[in-house]
N, C-alpha and C. Protein backbone atom coordinates (compact mmCIF):
# COMPACT_ATOMS: atom_id res chain seq x y z
N ALA A 1 -19.60 1.62 -3.58
CA ALA A 1 -18.86 2.09 -4.37
C ALA A 1 -18.61 0.58 -5.43
N ALA A 2 -18.01 1.24 -7.00
CA ALA A 2 -17.86 -0.20 -7.84
C ALA A 2 -16.34 -0.30 -7.74
N LEU A 3 -15.75 -0.98 -7.74
CA LEU A 3 -14.61 -1.95 -7.30
C LEU A 3 -14.13 -2.05 -8.35
N ALA A 4 -12.78 -1.63 -8.83
CA ALA A 4 -11.65 -2.47 -9.69
C ALA A 4 -10.43 -3.26 -8.90
N LEU A 5 -10.32 -4.35 -8.95
CA LEU A 5 -9.38 -4.95 -8.44
C LEU A 5 -8.77 -5.49 -9.63
N THR A 6 -6.83 -5.92 -8.84
CA THR A 6 -6.15 -6.07 -9.57
C THR A 6 -5.54 -7.68 -8.91
N PHE A 7 -4.91 -8.48 -9.59
CA PHE A 7 -4.48 -9.73 -9.20
C PHE A 7 -2.89 -9.53 -10.02
N LEU A 8 -1.87 -10.16 -9.68
CA LEU A 8 -0.27 -10.33 -9.55
C LEU A 8 -0.14 -10.45 -11.28
N ASN A 9 -0.36 -11.96 -10.99
CA ASN A 9 -0.13 -13.19 -12.30
C ASN A 9 -1.20 -14.01 -11.86
N GLU A 10 -1.32 -15.09 -12.88
CA GLU A 10 -2.32 -16.50 -12.74
C GLU A 10 -1.53 -17.37 -11.05
N LYS A 11 -0.68 -17.07 -10.94
CA LYS A 11 -0.49 -17.93 -9.37
C LYS A 11 -1.23 -17.33 -8.28
N ALA A 12 -1.08 -15.59 -8.28
CA ALA A 12 -1.85 -15.27 -7.24
C ALA A 12 -3.60 -14.90 -7.47
N ARG A 13 -4.19 -15.17 -8.94
CA ARG A 13 -4.94 -14.64 -9.01
C ARG A 13 -6.02 -16.02 -8.13
N PRO A 14 -5.80 -16.87 -7.79
CA PRO A 14 -7.08 -18.14 -7.02
C PRO A 14 -7.03 -17.26 -5.73
N TRP A 15 -6.18 -16.79 -5.26
CA TRP A 15 -6.26 -16.03 -3.89
C TRP A 15 -6.84 -14.37 -4.06
N VAL A 16 -7.45 -13.81 -5.09
CA VAL A 16 -7.73 -12.46 -5.19
C VAL A 16 -8.87 -12.88 -5.59
N GLU A 17 -9.16 -13.72 -6.46
CA GLU A 17 -10.64 -13.92 -7.03
C GLU A 17 -11.82 -14.11 -6.41
N PRO A 18 -11.75 -14.65 -5.72
CA PRO A 18 -12.98 -14.51 -4.55
C PRO A 18 -13.06 -13.10 -3.64
N VAL A 19 -12.12 -12.62 -3.21
CA VAL A 19 -12.61 -11.35 -2.98
C VAL A 19 -13.35 -10.31 -3.93
N ALA A 20 -12.67 -10.46 -5.20
CA ALA A 20 -13.38 -10.00 -6.36
C ALA A 20 -14.89 -10.17 -6.46
N GLN A 21 -15.19 -11.58 -5.85
CA GLN A 21 -16.60 -12.00 -6.17
C GLN A 21 -16.99 -11.65 -5.15
N GLU A 22 -16.97 -11.93 -4.19
CA GLU A 22 -17.62 -11.21 -2.79
C GLU A 22 -17.94 -9.50 -2.86
N VAL A 23 -17.03 -8.74 -2.93
CA VAL A 23 -17.46 -7.34 -3.15
C VAL A 23 -18.30 -7.12 -4.81
N GLY A 24 -18.62 -8.07 -5.36
CA GLY A 24 -18.96 -7.73 -6.83
C GLY A 24 -18.55 -6.53 -7.73
N ALA A 25 -17.07 -6.95 -7.86
CA ALA A 25 -16.14 -6.21 -8.21
C ALA A 25 -16.16 -6.13 -9.78
N PRO A 26 -16.64 -5.19 -10.74
CA PRO A 26 -17.09 -4.95 -11.98
C PRO A 26 -16.06 -5.59 -12.66
N LEU A 27 -14.34 -5.14 -12.21
CA LEU A 27 -13.59 -5.10 -13.24
C LEU A 27 -12.33 -5.70 -12.50
N PHE A 28 -11.78 -6.99 -12.82
CA PHE A 28 -11.01 -7.50 -12.19
C PHE A 28 -10.30 -8.03 -13.29
N LEU A 29 -8.45 -7.59 -13.21
CA LEU A 29 -7.74 -7.03 -14.20
C LEU A 29 -6.02 -7.42 -13.57
N PRO A 30 -5.37 -8.21 -14.39
CA PRO A 30 -3.95 -8.20 -13.75
C PRO A 30 -3.42 -7.09 -13.95
N CYS A 31 -2.33 -7.09 -13.31
CA CYS A 31 -1.23 -6.16 -12.98
C CYS A 31 0.02 -6.43 -12.47
N ASP A 32 1.04 -6.98 -13.02
CA ASP A 32 1.98 -6.79 -12.64
C ASP A 32 3.28 -5.63 -13.07
N VAL A 33 3.77 -4.19 -12.35
CA VAL A 33 3.65 -3.53 -12.74
C VAL A 33 4.99 -3.10 -13.01
N ARG A 34 5.94 -4.67 -12.81
CA ARG A 34 7.01 -4.80 -13.39
C ARG A 34 6.84 -4.83 -15.06
N GLU A 35 5.89 -5.49 -15.50
CA GLU A 35 5.64 -5.53 -16.52
C GLU A 35 5.27 -4.46 -17.47
N PRO A 36 5.83 -4.14 -18.83
CA PRO A 36 6.07 -2.57 -19.29
C PRO A 36 4.20 -2.90 -20.09
N GLY A 37 3.62 -2.06 -19.77
CA GLY A 37 2.03 -1.47 -20.58
C GLY A 37 1.11 -2.57 -19.33
N GLN A 38 1.09 -2.98 -18.37
CA GLN A 38 0.19 -3.68 -17.53
C GLN A 38 -0.68 -2.74 -16.80
N LEU A 39 0.41 -1.95 -15.98
CA LEU A 39 -0.26 -1.01 -15.35
C LEU A 39 -1.36 -0.24 -15.82
N GLU A 40 -0.75 0.66 -17.00
CA GLU A 40 -1.43 1.45 -18.26
C GLU A 40 -2.68 0.91 -18.41
N ALA A 41 -2.59 -0.05 -19.12
CA ALA A 41 -3.56 -1.23 -19.44
C ALA A 41 -4.83 -1.22 -18.66
N VAL A 42 -4.87 -1.44 -17.16
CA VAL A 42 -5.54 -1.09 -16.15
C VAL A 42 -6.44 0.13 -16.05
N PHE A 43 -5.24 1.33 -16.19
CA PHE A 43 -5.90 2.64 -16.21
C PHE A 43 -6.81 2.74 -17.39
N ASP A 44 -6.38 2.40 -18.51
CA ASP A 44 -7.34 2.58 -20.20
C ASP A 44 -8.41 2.02 -19.82
N ARG A 45 -8.57 0.79 -19.16
CA ARG A 45 -9.81 -0.12 -19.25
C ARG A 45 -10.99 0.66 -18.08
N ILE A 46 -10.18 1.60 -16.74
CA ILE A 46 -11.07 2.07 -15.97
C ILE A 46 -12.01 3.40 -16.73
N THR A 47 -11.00 3.87 -17.79
CA THR A 47 -10.98 5.38 -18.18
C THR A 47 -12.48 4.91 -19.53
N ALA A 48 -11.94 3.76 -19.90
CA ALA A 48 -13.09 3.51 -21.17
C ALA A 48 -14.45 3.17 -20.23
N GLU A 49 -14.15 2.02 -19.08
CA GLU A 49 -15.74 1.71 -18.44
C GLU A 49 -16.52 2.75 -17.74
N TRP A 50 -15.46 3.73 -16.71
CA TRP A 50 -16.43 4.57 -15.80
C TRP A 50 -15.81 6.15 -16.37
N GLY A 51 -14.77 6.22 -16.90
CA GLY A 51 -14.54 7.69 -17.26
C GLY A 51 -13.90 8.45 -15.70
N ARG A 52 -14.07 7.69 -14.67
CA ARG A 52 -13.30 8.56 -13.76
C ARG A 52 -13.31 7.78 -12.59
N LEU A 53 -12.70 8.05 -11.39
CA LEU A 53 -11.90 7.66 -10.59
C LEU A 53 -12.00 8.24 -8.89
N ASP A 54 -12.39 7.77 -8.06
CA ASP A 54 -12.88 8.65 -6.42
C ASP A 54 -11.81 7.78 -5.86
N PHE A 55 -11.29 6.97 -5.92
CA PHE A 55 -9.82 6.70 -4.90
C PHE A 55 -9.16 5.47 -5.45
N LEU A 56 -8.13 5.09 -5.11
CA LEU A 56 -7.39 4.12 -4.93
C LEU A 56 -6.39 3.92 -4.20
N LEU A 57 -6.21 2.83 -4.18
CA LEU A 57 -5.19 2.27 -2.74
C LEU A 57 -4.44 1.39 -3.79
N HIS A 58 -3.21 1.94 -3.25
CA HIS A 58 -2.05 1.18 -3.64
C HIS A 58 -1.62 0.20 -2.56
N ALA A 59 -1.79 -1.31 -3.03
CA ALA A 59 -1.24 -1.89 -1.99
C ALA A 59 0.14 -3.06 -2.75
N ILE A 60 1.07 -2.55 -3.05
CA ILE A 60 2.36 -3.40 -3.63
C ILE A 60 3.28 -3.15 -3.65
N ALA A 61 4.04 -4.53 -2.61
CA ALA A 61 5.70 -4.31 -2.15
C ALA A 61 5.97 -5.31 -2.77
N PHE A 62 7.64 -5.31 -3.37
CA PHE A 62 8.02 -6.76 -3.55
C PHE A 62 9.40 -6.48 -3.41
N ALA A 63 10.34 -7.41 -3.20
CA ALA A 63 11.52 -7.51 -3.18
C ALA A 63 12.35 -8.95 -3.25
N PRO A 64 13.45 -9.13 -3.75
CA PRO A 64 13.58 -10.46 -3.90
C PRO A 64 13.97 -11.10 -2.96
N ARG A 65 13.39 -12.18 -2.99
CA ARG A 65 13.64 -12.87 -1.44
C ARG A 65 15.46 -12.92 -1.13
N GLU A 66 16.07 -13.72 -1.31
CA GLU A 66 17.53 -12.77 -1.50
C GLU A 66 17.96 -12.12 -0.40
N ASP A 67 17.69 -10.89 -1.49
CA ASP A 67 18.03 -9.72 -0.82
C ASP A 67 17.18 -8.98 0.28
N LEU A 68 15.82 -9.61 0.74
CA LEU A 68 14.64 -9.23 1.31
C LEU A 68 15.47 -10.05 2.66
N HIS A 69 15.91 -11.15 2.72
CA HIS A 69 16.73 -12.07 3.96
C HIS A 69 18.16 -11.51 4.41
N THR A 70 18.37 -10.57 4.12
CA THR A 70 19.95 -10.30 3.89
C THR A 70 19.82 -8.85 4.52
N SER A 71 21.42 -8.45 4.89
CA SER A 71 20.76 -7.41 5.98
C SER A 71 21.06 -5.84 4.52
N VAL A 72 20.59 -5.02 4.94
CA VAL A 72 20.47 -3.43 4.14
C VAL A 72 21.79 -3.69 3.34
N VAL A 73 22.72 -3.37 4.13
CA VAL A 73 24.43 -3.30 2.90
C VAL A 73 24.59 -4.11 2.39
N ASN A 74 24.39 -5.79 2.73
CA ASN A 74 24.21 -6.60 2.04
C ASN A 74 23.67 -6.90 0.65
N ALA A 75 22.22 -5.91 0.64
CA ALA A 75 21.23 -6.38 -0.56
C ALA A 75 21.65 -5.72 -1.83
N SER A 76 21.83 -6.47 -2.81
CA SER A 76 22.17 -5.99 -4.24
C SER A 76 21.68 -4.92 -4.58
N ALA A 77 22.40 -4.00 -5.73
CA ALA A 77 21.59 -3.30 -5.87
C ALA A 77 20.16 -3.27 -7.06
N GLU A 78 20.38 -4.87 -7.51
CA GLU A 78 19.51 -4.74 -8.80
C GLU A 78 18.15 -5.30 -7.38
N GLY A 79 18.49 -6.04 -6.75
CA GLY A 79 17.46 -6.08 -5.53
C GLY A 79 16.90 -4.94 -5.03
N PHE A 80 17.76 -3.72 -4.39
CA PHE A 80 17.10 -2.84 -4.16
C PHE A 80 16.27 -1.59 -4.64
N ALA A 81 16.70 -1.73 -6.29
CA ALA A 81 16.25 -1.24 -7.32
C ALA A 81 14.78 -1.66 -7.47
N THR A 82 14.11 -3.57 -7.44
CA THR A 82 13.40 -3.50 -7.77
C THR A 82 12.34 -3.46 -6.99
N ALA A 83 12.89 -3.30 -5.42
CA ALA A 83 12.03 -2.81 -4.33
C ALA A 83 11.67 -1.67 -4.29
N MET A 84 12.36 -0.67 -4.90
CA MET A 84 12.12 0.50 -4.58
C MET A 84 11.21 0.71 -5.95
N ASN A 85 10.81 0.40 -6.55
CA ASN A 85 9.88 0.59 -7.81
C ASN A 85 8.62 1.41 -7.28
N ILE A 86 8.71 2.80 -8.03
CA ILE A 86 8.03 3.82 -7.56
C ILE A 86 6.49 3.91 -8.26
N SER A 87 6.47 2.53 -8.26
CA SER A 87 4.41 2.09 -9.16
C SER A 87 3.73 3.38 -8.15
N PHE A 88 3.97 3.60 -6.76
CA PHE A 88 2.57 5.04 -6.40
C PHE A 88 2.45 5.91 -7.21
N LEU A 89 3.77 6.49 -7.34
CA LEU A 89 3.76 7.36 -8.27
C LEU A 89 3.32 7.52 -10.13
N ARG A 90 3.33 6.23 -10.21
CA ARG A 90 3.17 6.35 -11.53
C ARG A 90 1.33 5.86 -11.53
N MET A 91 1.12 5.55 -10.46
CA MET A 91 -0.44 5.42 -10.25
C MET A 91 -1.27 6.41 -9.97
N ALA A 92 -0.46 7.47 -9.33
CA ALA A 92 -1.01 8.31 -9.34
C ALA A 92 -0.73 9.67 -10.56
N ARG A 93 0.05 8.87 -10.94
CA ARG A 93 0.01 10.12 -12.08
C ARG A 93 -0.83 9.84 -13.17
N LEU A 94 -1.30 8.36 -13.16
CA LEU A 94 -2.27 7.96 -14.25
C LEU A 94 -3.56 8.38 -13.41
N ALA A 95 -3.53 7.98 -12.50
CA ALA A 95 -5.16 8.26 -11.96
C ALA A 95 -5.66 9.86 -11.84
N ARG A 96 -4.67 10.78 -11.81
CA ARG A 96 -4.66 12.18 -11.84
C ARG A 96 -5.84 12.58 -12.88
N PRO A 97 -5.60 12.29 -14.02
CA PRO A 97 -6.60 12.91 -15.44
C PRO A 97 -8.17 12.17 -15.12
N LEU A 98 -8.48 11.67 -14.36
CA LEU A 98 -9.80 10.67 -13.98
C LEU A 98 -10.04 10.97 -12.51
N MET A 99 -9.36 11.86 -11.34
CA MET A 99 -9.98 12.95 -10.29
C MET A 99 -10.14 14.13 -11.04
N GLN A 100 -11.06 14.19 -11.71
CA GLN A 100 -11.64 15.89 -12.33
C GLN A 100 -11.85 15.85 -11.01
N ALA A 101 -13.06 15.41 -10.35
CA ALA A 101 -13.97 16.50 -9.29
C ALA A 101 -13.22 15.95 -7.67
N GLY A 102 -11.39 15.97 -7.91
CA GLY A 102 -11.36 15.59 -6.81
C GLY A 102 -10.96 13.93 -6.20
N GLY A 103 -9.86 13.36 -5.54
CA GLY A 103 -10.36 12.14 -5.24
C GLY A 103 -9.04 11.92 -4.15
N SER A 104 -8.97 10.38 -3.43
CA SER A 104 -7.92 10.39 -2.55
C SER A 104 -7.00 9.11 -3.01
N LEU A 105 -5.50 9.04 -2.79
CA LEU A 105 -4.84 8.16 -3.09
C LEU A 105 -3.87 7.62 -1.84
N ILE A 106 -4.17 6.45 -1.66
CA ILE A 106 -4.25 5.85 -0.49
C ILE A 106 -3.24 4.90 -0.67
N THR A 107 -1.58 4.25 0.05
CA THR A 107 -0.78 3.60 0.17
C THR A 107 -0.42 2.74 1.40
N VAL A 108 -0.04 1.73 1.40
CA VAL A 108 0.16 1.16 2.82
C VAL A 108 1.35 1.20 3.00
N SER A 109 1.87 1.44 4.22
CA SER A 109 2.79 1.38 5.23
C SER A 109 3.62 0.47 6.27
N PHE A 110 4.19 1.04 7.14
CA PHE A 110 4.44 0.04 7.96
C PHE A 110 5.56 0.96 9.30
N TYR A 111 5.58 0.63 10.23
CA TYR A 111 6.47 1.37 11.22
C TYR A 111 8.16 1.31 11.00
N GLY A 112 8.02 0.44 9.94
CA GLY A 112 9.69 -0.11 9.59
C GLY A 112 10.44 1.31 8.79
N ALA A 113 9.55 2.12 8.46
CA ALA A 113 9.82 3.08 7.53
C ALA A 113 10.57 4.37 8.31
N ASP A 114 9.91 4.70 9.65
CA ASP A 114 10.30 5.33 10.78
C ASP A 114 11.46 4.70 11.83
N ARG A 115 11.39 3.33 12.30
CA ARG A 115 12.40 3.15 12.84
C ARG A 115 12.98 1.77 12.33
N VAL A 116 14.48 1.20 13.25
CA VAL A 116 14.69 -0.18 12.58
C VAL A 116 13.53 -1.35 13.09
N VAL A 117 12.96 -2.01 12.49
CA VAL A 117 12.76 -3.09 13.15
C VAL A 117 13.10 -4.38 12.98
N GLU A 118 13.35 -5.50 13.33
CA GLU A 118 14.13 -6.27 13.48
C GLU A 118 13.70 -7.45 11.75
N ASN A 119 14.27 -7.79 11.09
CA ASN A 119 14.39 -8.55 10.00
C ASN A 119 13.18 -7.94 9.02
N TYR A 120 13.05 -6.22 9.19
CA TYR A 120 12.05 -5.66 8.24
C TYR A 120 13.44 -5.73 6.93
N ASN A 121 14.37 -5.47 7.33
CA ASN A 121 15.70 -5.02 6.50
C ASN A 121 15.29 -4.03 5.24
N LEU A 122 15.28 -4.52 4.10
CA LEU A 122 15.80 -4.01 2.91
C LEU A 122 14.01 -2.99 2.30
N MET A 123 12.87 -3.74 3.26
CA MET A 123 11.98 -2.85 3.22
C MET A 123 11.60 -1.69 4.06
N GLY A 124 12.49 -1.69 4.92
CA GLY A 124 12.63 0.12 5.70
C GLY A 124 12.77 1.19 4.72
N PRO A 125 13.46 1.25 4.02
CA PRO A 125 14.58 2.23 3.25
C PRO A 125 13.12 2.28 2.73
N VAL A 126 12.86 1.25 2.13
CA VAL A 126 11.84 1.48 0.67
C VAL A 126 10.50 2.22 1.17
N LYS A 127 9.58 1.62 2.09
CA LYS A 127 8.61 2.45 3.39
C LYS A 127 9.00 4.12 3.42
N ALA A 128 10.37 4.07 3.97
CA ALA A 128 10.63 5.25 4.35
C ALA A 128 9.91 6.09 2.79
N ALA A 129 10.58 5.59 1.65
CA ALA A 129 10.59 6.80 0.40
C ALA A 129 9.15 6.92 0.04
N LEU A 130 8.41 5.88 0.17
CA LEU A 130 7.17 5.34 -0.01
C LEU A 130 6.68 6.69 0.65
N GLU A 131 6.90 6.68 2.05
CA GLU A 131 6.20 7.82 2.79
C GLU A 131 6.49 9.14 2.21
N ALA A 132 7.76 9.68 2.17
CA ALA A 132 8.23 10.76 1.82
C ALA A 132 7.30 11.03 0.20
N SER A 133 6.98 10.15 -0.40
CA SER A 133 6.23 10.39 -2.11
C SER A 133 4.61 10.44 -1.73
N VAL A 134 4.36 10.36 -0.49
CA VAL A 134 3.20 10.34 -0.28
C VAL A 134 3.22 12.39 -0.24
N ARG A 135 4.21 12.49 0.57
CA ARG A 135 3.77 13.99 1.11
C ARG A 135 4.09 14.80 -0.34
N TYR A 136 5.07 14.05 -0.50
CA TYR A 136 4.72 15.11 -2.15
C TYR A 136 3.99 15.45 -3.02
N ALA A 137 3.44 13.61 -3.36
CA ALA A 137 2.30 14.14 -4.16
C ALA A 137 0.69 14.86 -3.57
N ALA A 138 1.30 14.77 -2.22
CA ALA A 138 -0.33 15.65 -1.48
C ALA A 138 0.58 17.26 -1.83
N ALA A 139 1.17 17.56 -1.58
CA ALA A 139 1.86 18.88 -2.17
C ALA A 139 1.54 18.84 -3.20
N ASP A 140 1.52 18.15 -4.45
CA ASP A 140 1.51 18.70 -5.54
C ASP A 140 0.54 18.69 -6.16
N LEU A 141 -0.34 18.04 -5.78
CA LEU A 141 -2.02 17.31 -5.97
C LEU A 141 -3.06 18.33 -5.09
N ALA A 142 -2.52 19.13 -4.47
CA ALA A 142 -3.52 20.01 -3.52
C ALA A 142 -4.94 20.55 -3.91
N GLY A 143 -4.08 21.17 -5.03
CA GLY A 143 -4.77 22.52 -5.64
C GLY A 143 -5.98 21.52 -6.38
N GLU A 144 -5.36 20.87 -6.79
CA GLU A 144 -6.72 19.80 -7.51
C GLU A 144 -7.83 18.77 -6.88
N GLY A 145 -7.48 19.26 -5.40
CA GLY A 145 -8.47 18.36 -5.08
C GLY A 145 -8.03 17.10 -4.53
N ILE A 146 -6.95 16.55 -4.69
CA ILE A 146 -6.63 15.17 -4.99
C ILE A 146 -6.15 15.06 -3.91
N ARG A 147 -5.98 13.94 -2.42
CA ARG A 147 -5.74 13.86 -1.29
C ARG A 147 -5.09 12.70 -1.57
N ALA A 148 -3.54 12.38 -0.60
CA ALA A 148 -2.46 11.41 -0.28
C ALA A 148 -2.52 10.75 0.58
N PHE A 149 -2.46 10.13 0.99
CA PHE A 149 -2.41 9.03 2.56
C PHE A 149 -1.48 8.06 2.58
N SER A 150 -0.74 7.80 3.45
CA SER A 150 0.28 6.74 3.97
C SER A 150 -0.63 6.10 5.27
N LEU A 151 -1.20 4.92 4.60
CA LEU A 151 -1.51 3.74 6.10
C LEU A 151 -0.71 3.01 6.61
N SER A 152 0.02 3.59 7.63
CA SER A 152 0.73 2.62 8.49
C SER A 152 0.05 1.79 9.49
N THR A 153 -0.01 0.26 8.95
CA THR A 153 -0.58 -0.07 9.83
C THR A 153 0.31 -1.41 10.73
N GLY A 154 -0.33 -1.87 11.76
CA GLY A 154 0.45 -3.29 12.52
C GLY A 154 0.43 -4.00 11.52
N PRO A 155 1.54 -5.34 11.74
CA PRO A 155 0.94 -6.57 10.95
C PRO A 155 0.05 -7.34 10.87
N VAL A 156 -0.09 -8.01 9.84
CA VAL A 156 -1.55 -8.68 9.89
C VAL A 156 -0.91 -9.96 8.60
N LYS A 157 -1.06 -11.16 9.38
CA LYS A 157 -1.01 -12.23 8.72
C LYS A 157 -1.27 -12.28 6.83
N THR A 158 -0.44 -11.86 5.88
CA THR A 158 -1.02 -12.12 4.45
C THR A 158 0.26 -12.53 3.77
N ARG A 159 -0.15 -12.82 2.88
CA ARG A 159 0.48 -13.57 1.49
C ARG A 159 2.11 -13.33 1.38
N ALA A 160 1.76 -11.89 1.17
CA ALA A 160 2.96 -11.05 1.13
C ALA A 160 3.98 -11.25 2.49
N ALA A 161 3.25 -10.86 3.29
CA ALA A 161 3.68 -10.80 4.81
C ALA A 161 4.64 -11.95 4.98
N SER A 162 4.07 -13.38 4.70
CA SER A 162 4.73 -14.17 5.00
C SER A 162 6.42 -14.56 4.21
N GLY A 163 6.35 -13.56 3.62
CA GLY A 163 8.12 -13.58 2.87
C GLY A 163 8.90 -12.70 3.82
N ILE A 164 8.64 -11.94 4.94
CA ILE A 164 9.82 -11.80 5.93
C ILE A 164 9.99 -12.86 6.89
N GLU A 165 11.13 -12.84 6.93
CA GLU A 165 11.69 -13.39 8.12
C GLU A 165 11.18 -13.78 9.41
N ARG A 166 11.01 -14.88 9.51
CA ARG A 166 10.38 -14.66 11.59
C ARG A 166 9.23 -13.83 11.72
N PHE A 167 8.23 -13.80 10.78
CA PHE A 167 7.36 -12.53 10.53
C PHE A 167 6.22 -13.03 11.91
N ASP A 168 6.27 -14.46 12.32
CA ASP A 168 5.23 -14.95 13.64
C ASP A 168 5.93 -14.14 14.74
N ALA A 169 7.41 -13.88 15.03
CA ALA A 169 8.16 -13.31 16.29
C ALA A 169 7.74 -12.52 16.51
N LEU A 170 7.71 -11.47 14.94
CA LEU A 170 7.60 -9.81 15.11
C LEU A 170 6.32 -9.51 15.69
N MET A 171 5.05 -10.04 14.96
CA MET A 171 3.58 -10.30 15.42
C MET A 171 3.64 -9.85 16.60
N ASP A 172 4.73 -11.02 17.84
CA ASP A 172 4.01 -11.15 19.09
C ASP A 172 4.82 -10.05 19.77
N LYS A 173 6.20 -9.36 19.52
CA LYS A 173 6.94 -8.21 19.92
C LYS A 173 5.59 -7.01 19.70
N ILE A 174 5.41 -7.12 18.60
CA ILE A 174 4.47 -6.19 18.45
C ILE A 174 2.95 -6.05 19.38
N ARG A 175 2.46 -6.87 19.43
CA ARG A 175 1.36 -7.17 20.02
C ARG A 175 1.58 -7.08 21.62
N ALA A 176 3.16 -7.62 22.03
CA ALA A 176 3.18 -7.25 23.32
C ALA A 176 3.67 -5.54 23.72
N ARG A 177 3.71 -5.07 22.51
CA ARG A 177 3.99 -3.20 23.09
C ARG A 177 3.24 -2.56 22.69
N THR A 178 1.91 -3.18 22.11
CA THR A 178 0.55 -2.25 21.96
C THR A 178 -0.14 -1.93 23.65
N PRO A 179 -0.49 -0.87 23.76
CA PRO A 179 -0.81 -0.35 24.90
C PRO A 179 -2.08 -1.52 25.54
N ALA A 180 -2.94 -2.09 24.68
CA ALA A 180 -3.59 -3.32 24.67
C ALA A 180 -3.36 -4.54 24.94
N GLY A 181 -2.04 -4.38 24.54
CA GLY A 181 -1.95 -6.30 23.81
C GLY A 181 -2.62 -7.13 23.06
N LYS A 182 -2.95 -6.05 21.97
CA LYS A 182 -3.86 -6.77 20.79
C LYS A 182 -3.38 -5.97 19.46
N LEU A 183 -3.09 -7.19 18.82
CA LEU A 183 -2.82 -6.54 17.15
C LEU A 183 -4.09 -6.15 16.72
N VAL A 184 -4.01 -5.05 15.23
CA VAL A 184 -4.80 -4.69 14.43
C VAL A 184 -5.66 -5.47 13.87
N SER A 185 -6.83 -5.48 13.57
CA SER A 185 -7.43 -6.62 12.89
C SER A 185 -7.51 -6.23 11.19
N ILE A 186 -7.30 -6.65 10.19
CA ILE A 186 -7.54 -6.34 8.92
C ILE A 186 -8.97 -5.56 8.48
N GLU A 187 -10.12 -6.25 9.26
CA GLU A 187 -11.69 -5.39 9.34
C GLU A 187 -11.14 -3.82 10.01
N GLU A 188 -10.47 -3.72 10.61
CA GLU A 188 -10.38 -2.60 11.23
C GLU A 188 -9.01 -1.99 10.50
N ILE A 189 -8.37 -1.85 10.20
CA ILE A 189 -7.62 -1.20 8.45
C ILE A 189 -8.38 -0.89 7.54
N GLY A 190 -9.37 -2.27 6.75
CA GLY A 190 -10.20 -1.63 6.01
C GLY A 190 -11.14 -0.50 6.50
N THR A 191 -11.70 -0.37 7.72
CA THR A 191 -13.12 0.48 7.89
C THR A 191 -12.29 2.13 8.15
N LEU A 192 -10.53 2.17 8.20
CA LEU A 192 -9.81 3.41 8.40
C LEU A 192 -9.64 3.55 6.68
N ALA A 193 -9.11 2.80 5.99
CA ALA A 193 -9.06 2.98 4.39
C ALA A 193 -10.11 3.60 3.79
N ALA A 194 -11.23 2.92 4.39
CA ALA A 194 -12.20 3.57 3.53
C ALA A 194 -12.94 4.91 4.03
N PHE A 195 -12.84 5.71 5.44
CA PHE A 195 -12.89 6.42 5.90
C PHE A 195 -11.72 8.03 4.83
N LEU A 196 -10.70 7.53 4.85
CA LEU A 196 -9.41 7.84 3.92
C LEU A 196 -9.73 8.06 2.47
N ALA A 197 -10.76 7.14 2.10
CA ALA A 197 -11.30 7.67 0.63
C ALA A 197 -12.72 8.51 0.34
N THR A 198 -12.60 9.17 1.40
CA THR A 198 -13.98 10.10 1.40
C THR A 198 -13.27 11.16 1.45
N GLU A 199 -14.15 12.63 1.70
CA GLU A 199 -13.62 13.86 1.72
C GLU A 199 -13.49 14.48 2.92
N ALA A 200 -14.23 13.51 3.86
CA ALA A 200 -14.23 13.62 5.57
C ALA A 200 -12.43 13.73 5.69
N ALA A 201 -11.78 13.20 5.54
CA ALA A 201 -10.03 12.92 5.63
C ALA A 201 -9.40 14.02 5.12
N SER A 202 -10.22 14.84 4.20
CA SER A 202 -9.47 15.84 3.27
C SER A 202 -8.31 16.79 4.21
N PRO A 203 -8.37 17.01 5.24
CA PRO A 203 -7.74 17.89 6.06
C PRO A 203 -6.40 17.29 6.69
N MET A 204 -5.97 15.53 6.12
CA MET A 204 -4.86 15.13 6.54
C MET A 204 -4.57 14.56 5.31
N SER A 205 -4.58 15.02 4.61
CA SER A 205 -3.90 14.63 3.12
C SER A 205 -2.40 15.23 3.62
N GLY A 206 -1.53 13.91 2.96
CA GLY A 206 -0.11 14.13 3.31
C GLY A 206 0.48 13.30 4.47
N SER A 207 -0.42 12.85 5.35
CA SER A 207 -0.01 11.97 6.39
C SER A 207 0.32 10.82 6.48
N VAL A 208 0.81 10.21 7.59
CA VAL A 208 1.10 8.95 7.74
C VAL A 208 0.07 8.94 8.75
N VAL A 209 -0.96 7.78 8.45
CA VAL A 209 -2.15 7.31 9.39
C VAL A 209 -1.82 6.24 9.85
N TYR A 210 -2.00 6.23 11.41
CA TYR A 210 -1.30 4.68 11.80
C TYR A 210 -2.73 3.96 11.97
N ALA A 211 -2.81 2.62 11.79
CA ALA A 211 -3.53 1.80 12.12
C ALA A 211 -2.55 0.58 12.97
N ASP A 212 -2.48 1.06 14.47
CA ASP A 212 -1.60 -0.31 14.99
C ASP A 212 -1.56 -0.75 16.19
N ASN A 213 -3.32 -0.18 16.92
CA ASN A 213 -3.62 -0.23 17.86
C ASN A 213 -2.29 0.59 19.17
N GLY A 214 -1.77 1.84 18.87
CA GLY A 214 -0.90 2.66 19.69
C GLY A 214 0.80 1.71 19.45
N PHE A 215 0.64 1.07 18.54
CA PHE A 215 2.15 0.29 18.83
C PHE A 215 3.26 1.39 18.25
N HIS A 216 2.93 2.38 17.50
CA HIS A 216 3.69 3.43 17.16
C HIS A 216 4.00 4.31 18.62
N THR A 217 2.93 4.36 19.72
CA THR A 217 3.69 5.28 20.56
C THR A 217 4.26 4.63 21.63
N THR A 218 4.33 3.49 21.84
CA THR A 218 5.14 3.15 22.71
C THR A 218 6.62 3.02 22.22
N ALA A 219 7.38 3.32 23.34
CA ALA A 219 8.92 3.05 23.62
C ALA A 219 9.70 1.71 23.83
């Protein structure tokens, strides 16, 4: 596949650019969904360069630190609204005209959408809304051969995850509850995402697909 990769801003660029270079991404573009026009500019460029899109991976989550680190009932209305940005649905709408031959829309979620996870706080209801959005998008676009999936992963050390309070302790707890006592690797998550990008995953459209080494199956 030829890949288009995006980065949040100049602060984030040095972390993402080496990945873009390693995979030989011909398109490497800024994309802050909070900035008017930036998301649209990404899709305008894809339209101009390729004229089509086979799959899309939405891997964006953000909440103001002060709202993320407090309880849900104490989160500010502004912080909640920021975290609840419907960028997945916005991307689906922009990708739709480029998927004339069908395609795959994938987003990333976490078990905190379904059960209360300590210190996950505001992101729990936000991820629950994201998973519901996937189900509705899958139903809306099924007649056009466009699939939608929520890839619910176990915890992985990323720059975004570092914003969650006591994240290392969360990883230890989840590791202990997996049947094999092992966390999922980012390579394993990538392999599953690559499968979801193919037509072979079509019968699973609308599903929450777990990649957490069985953590969600344990009591």
